[in-house]
Amino acid sequence: MTLILCGITSVAVAESKGLPQEVKSYIAERNICDHFRGEPIEGNSPEQIERREFVADSLDIYCSGTDKRLAALKRRYKNNRAAMDKLSQYEERIEGAESN
């Protein structure tokens, strides 16, 4: 799992050269958030229940506050075309949607 997260983060950093640091940080965390949003969480075996708990904790860690952060970054960097191009790739409202 750590290897996957490192890969996600590495790709995000490589694609965000020249962007403000707080935008780069947001992109890295949001990509991890989106990864966990796509993780399967069904099943009732002990392993599946443990995995579901891990995914739920990861969503809390990486996705909490993401909607407000994205909106604030878009306001702050509204005149930075590169930042806006990257930030515009993300859904604006995901909190609460993870459980769907």
C-alpha atoms as a PDB file:
ATOM      1  CA  MET A   1       0.000   0.000   0.000  1.00  0.00           C
ATOM      2  CA  THR A   2       2.818   2.410   0.866  1.00  0.00           C
ATOM      3  CA  LEU A   3       4.370   1.810  -2.537  1.00  0.00           C
ATOM      4  CA  ILE A   4       1.105   2.727  -4.259  1.00  0.00           C
ATOM      5  CA  LEU A   5       0.760   5.929  -2.245  1.00  0.00           C
ATOM      6  CA  CYS A   6       4.372   6.876  -3.011  1.00  0.00           C
ATOM      7  CA  GLY A   7       3.654   6.358  -6.700  1.00  0.00           C
ATOM      8  CA  ILE A   8       0.533   8.498  -6.572  1.00  0.00           C
ATOM      9  CA  THR A   9       2.412  11.246  -4.764  1.00  0.00           C
ATOM     10  CA  SER A  10       5.406  11.073  -7.124  1.00  0.00           C
ATOM     11  CA  VAL A  11       3.216  11.470 -10.193  1.00  0.00           C
ATOM     12  CA  ALA A  12       1.411  14.428  -8.627  1.00  0.00           C
ATOM     13  CA  VAL A  13       4.672  16.165  -7.738  1.00  0.00           C
ATOM     14  CA  ALA A  14       6.139  15.576 -11.203  1.00  0.00           C
ATOM     15  CA  GLU A  15       3.046  17.088 -12.832  1.00  0.00           C
ATOM     16  CA  SER A  16       2.967  20.129 -10.529  1.00  0.00           C
ATOM     17  CA  LYS A  17       6.348  21.763 -11.135  1.00  0.00           C
ATOM     18  CA  GLY A  18       6.165  25.549 -10.973  1.00  0.00           C
ATOM     19  CA  LEU A  19       3.007  25.598  -8.884  1.00  0.00           C
ATOM     20  CA  PRO A  20       2.768  27.248  -5.450  1.00  0.00           C
ATOM     21  CA  GLN A  21       3.766  24.833  -2.667  1.00  0.00           C
ATOM     22  CA  GLU A  22       0.327  24.824  -1.049  1.00  0.00           C
ATOM     23  CA  VAL A  23      -1.232  23.853  -4.380  1.00  0.00           C
ATOM     24  CA  LYS A  24       1.312  21.043  -4.766  1.00  0.00           C
ATOM     25  CA  SER A  25       0.522  19.825  -1.250  1.00  0.00           C
ATOM     26  CA  TYR A  26      -3.196  19.903  -1.945  1.00  0.00           C
ATOM     27  CA  ILE A  27      -2.760  17.959  -5.186  1.00  0.00           C
ATOM     28  CA  ALA A  28      -0.690  15.262  -3.467  1.00  0.00           C
ATOM     29  CA  GLU A  29      -3.168  14.827  -0.605  1.00  0.00           C
ATOM     30  CA  ARG A  30      -6.203  15.024  -2.868  1.00  0.00           C
ATOM     31  CA  ASN A  31      -4.824  12.338  -5.157  1.00  0.00           C
ATOM     32  CA  ILE A  32      -4.409  10.045  -2.154  1.00  0.00           C
ATOM     33  CA  CYS A  33      -7.940  10.954  -1.035  1.00  0.00           C
ATOM     34  CA  ASP A  34      -9.323  10.120  -4.473  1.00  0.00           C
ATOM     35  CA  HIS A  35      -7.428   6.816  -4.438  1.00  0.00           C
ATOM     36  CA  PHE A  36      -9.138   5.763  -1.214  1.00  0.00           C
ATOM     37  CA  ARG A  37     -12.509   7.018  -2.451  1.00  0.00           C
ATOM     38  CA  GLY A  38     -12.231   4.419  -5.205  1.00  0.00           C
ATOM     39  CA  GLU A  39     -11.250   1.516  -2.952  1.00  0.00           C
ATOM     40  CA  PRO A  40     -13.706  -1.387  -2.665  1.00  0.00           C
ATOM     41  CA  ILE A  41     -15.120  -1.776   0.851  1.00  0.00           C
ATOM     42  CA  GLU A  42     -17.641  -4.584   0.507  1.00  0.00           C
ATOM     43  CA  GLY A  43     -17.623  -7.944   2.215  1.00  0.00           C
ATOM     44  CA  ASN A  44     -17.891  -9.230   5.753  1.00  0.00           C
ATOM     45  CA  SER A  45     -14.851 -11.438   6.230  1.00  0.00           C
ATOM     46  CA  PRO A  46     -12.480 -10.312   8.999  1.00  0.00           C
ATOM     47  CA  GLU A  47      -9.972  -9.133   6.379  1.00  0.00           C
ATOM     48  CA  GLN A  48     -12.628  -7.161   4.507  1.00  0.00           C
ATOM     49  CA  ILE A  49     -13.893  -5.551   7.708  1.00  0.00           C
ATOM     50  CA  GLU A  50     -10.323  -4.582   8.650  1.00  0.00           C
ATOM     51  CA  ARG A  51      -9.775  -3.167   5.151  1.00  0.00           C
ATOM     52  CA  ARG A  52     -13.041  -1.201   5.360  1.00  0.00           C
ATOM     53  CA  GLU A  53     -11.881   0.347   8.660  1.00  0.00           C
ATOM     54  CA  PHE A  54      -8.498   1.195   7.128  1.00  0.00           C
ATOM     55  CA  VAL A  55     -10.176   2.879   4.150  1.00  0.00           C
ATOM     56  CA  ALA A  56     -12.564   4.810   6.433  1.00  0.00           C
ATOM     57  CA  ASP A  57      -9.620   6.071   8.523  1.00  0.00           C
ATOM     58  CA  SER A  58      -7.734   7.015   5.354  1.00  0.00           C
ATOM     59  CA  LEU A  59     -10.730   8.987   4.088  1.00  0.00           C
ATOM     60  CA  ASP A  60     -10.822  10.881   7.381  1.00  0.00           C
ATOM     61  CA  ILE A  61      -7.099  11.629   7.144  1.00  0.00           C
ATOM     62  CA  TYR A  62      -6.834  12.619   3.478  1.00  0.00           C
ATOM     63  CA  CYS A  63     -10.321  13.878   2.573  1.00  0.00           C
ATOM     64  CA  SER A  64     -11.488  15.882   5.587  1.00  0.00           C
ATOM     65  CA  GLY A  65     -11.594  19.569   4.758  1.00  0.00           C
ATOM     66  CA  THR A  66     -10.755  19.037   1.108  1.00  0.00           C
ATOM     67  CA  ASP A  67     -13.833  20.873  -0.190  1.00  0.00           C
ATOM     68  CA  LYS A  68     -13.071  24.059   1.753  1.00  0.00           C
ATOM     69  CA  ARG A  69      -9.365  23.859   0.928  1.00  0.00           C
ATOM     70  CA  LEU A  70     -10.077  23.541  -2.792  1.00  0.00           C
ATOM     71  CA  ALA A  71     -12.437  26.528  -2.735  1.00  0.00           C
ATOM     72  CA  ALA A  72      -9.905  28.643  -0.822  1.00  0.00           C
ATOM     73  CA  LEU A  73      -7.057  27.712  -3.156  1.00  0.00           C
ATOM     74  CA  LYS A  74      -9.195  28.558  -6.181  1.00  0.00           C
ATOM     75  CA  ARG A  75      -9.955  31.978  -4.691  1.00  0.00           C
ATOM     76  CA  ARG A  76      -6.317  32.621  -3.789  1.00  0.00           C
ATOM     77  CA  TYR A  77      -4.904  31.536  -7.149  1.00  0.00           C
ATOM     78  CA  LYS A  78      -7.721  32.678  -9.445  1.00  0.00           C
ATOM     79  CA  ASN A  79      -5.187  34.658 -11.510  1.00  0.00           C
ATOM     80  CA  ASN A  80      -2.649  31.818 -11.720  1.00  0.00           C
ATOM     81  CA  ARG A  81      -3.599  29.890 -14.843  1.00  0.00           C
ATOM     82  CA  ALA A  82      -1.367  26.875 -14.120  1.00  0.00           C
ATOM     83  CA  ALA A  83      -2.767  26.515 -10.600  1.00  0.00           C
ATOM     84  CA  MET A  84      -6.351  26.915 -11.788  1.00  0.00           C
ATOM     85  CA  ASP A  85      -5.850  24.369 -14.573  1.00  0.00           C
ATOM     86  CA  LYS A  86      -4.714  21.785 -12.000  1.00  0.00           C
ATOM     87  CA  LEU A  87      -7.273  22.669  -9.327  1.00  0.00           C
ATOM     88  CA  SER A  88     -10.131  22.626 -11.836  1.00  0.00           C
ATOM     89  CA  GLN A  89      -9.506  18.911 -12.419  1.00  0.00           C
ATOM     90  CA  TYR A  90     -10.936  18.043  -8.992  1.00  0.00           C
ATOM     91  CA  GLU A  91     -14.574  17.655  -7.986  1.00  0.00           C
ATOM     92  CA  GLU A  92     -15.560  20.572  -5.776  1.00  0.00           C
ATOM     93  CA  ARG A  93     -17.806  18.671  -3.364  1.00  0.00           C
ATOM     94  CA  ILE A  94     -16.721  15.224  -2.254  1.00  0.00           C
ATOM     95  CA  GLU A  95     -17.076  15.288   1.519  1.00  0.00           C
ATOM     96  CA  GLY A  96     -19.903  13.042   2.484  1.00  0.00           C
ATOM     97  CA  ALA A  97     -19.785  11.472  -0.974  1.00  0.00           C
ATOM     98  CA  GLU A  98     -17.107   8.933   0.069  1.00  0.00           C
ATOM     99  CA  SER A  99     -19.711   6.701   1.639  1.00  0.00           C
ATOM    100  CA  ASN A 100     -21.766   6.513  -1.562  1.00  0.00           C
END
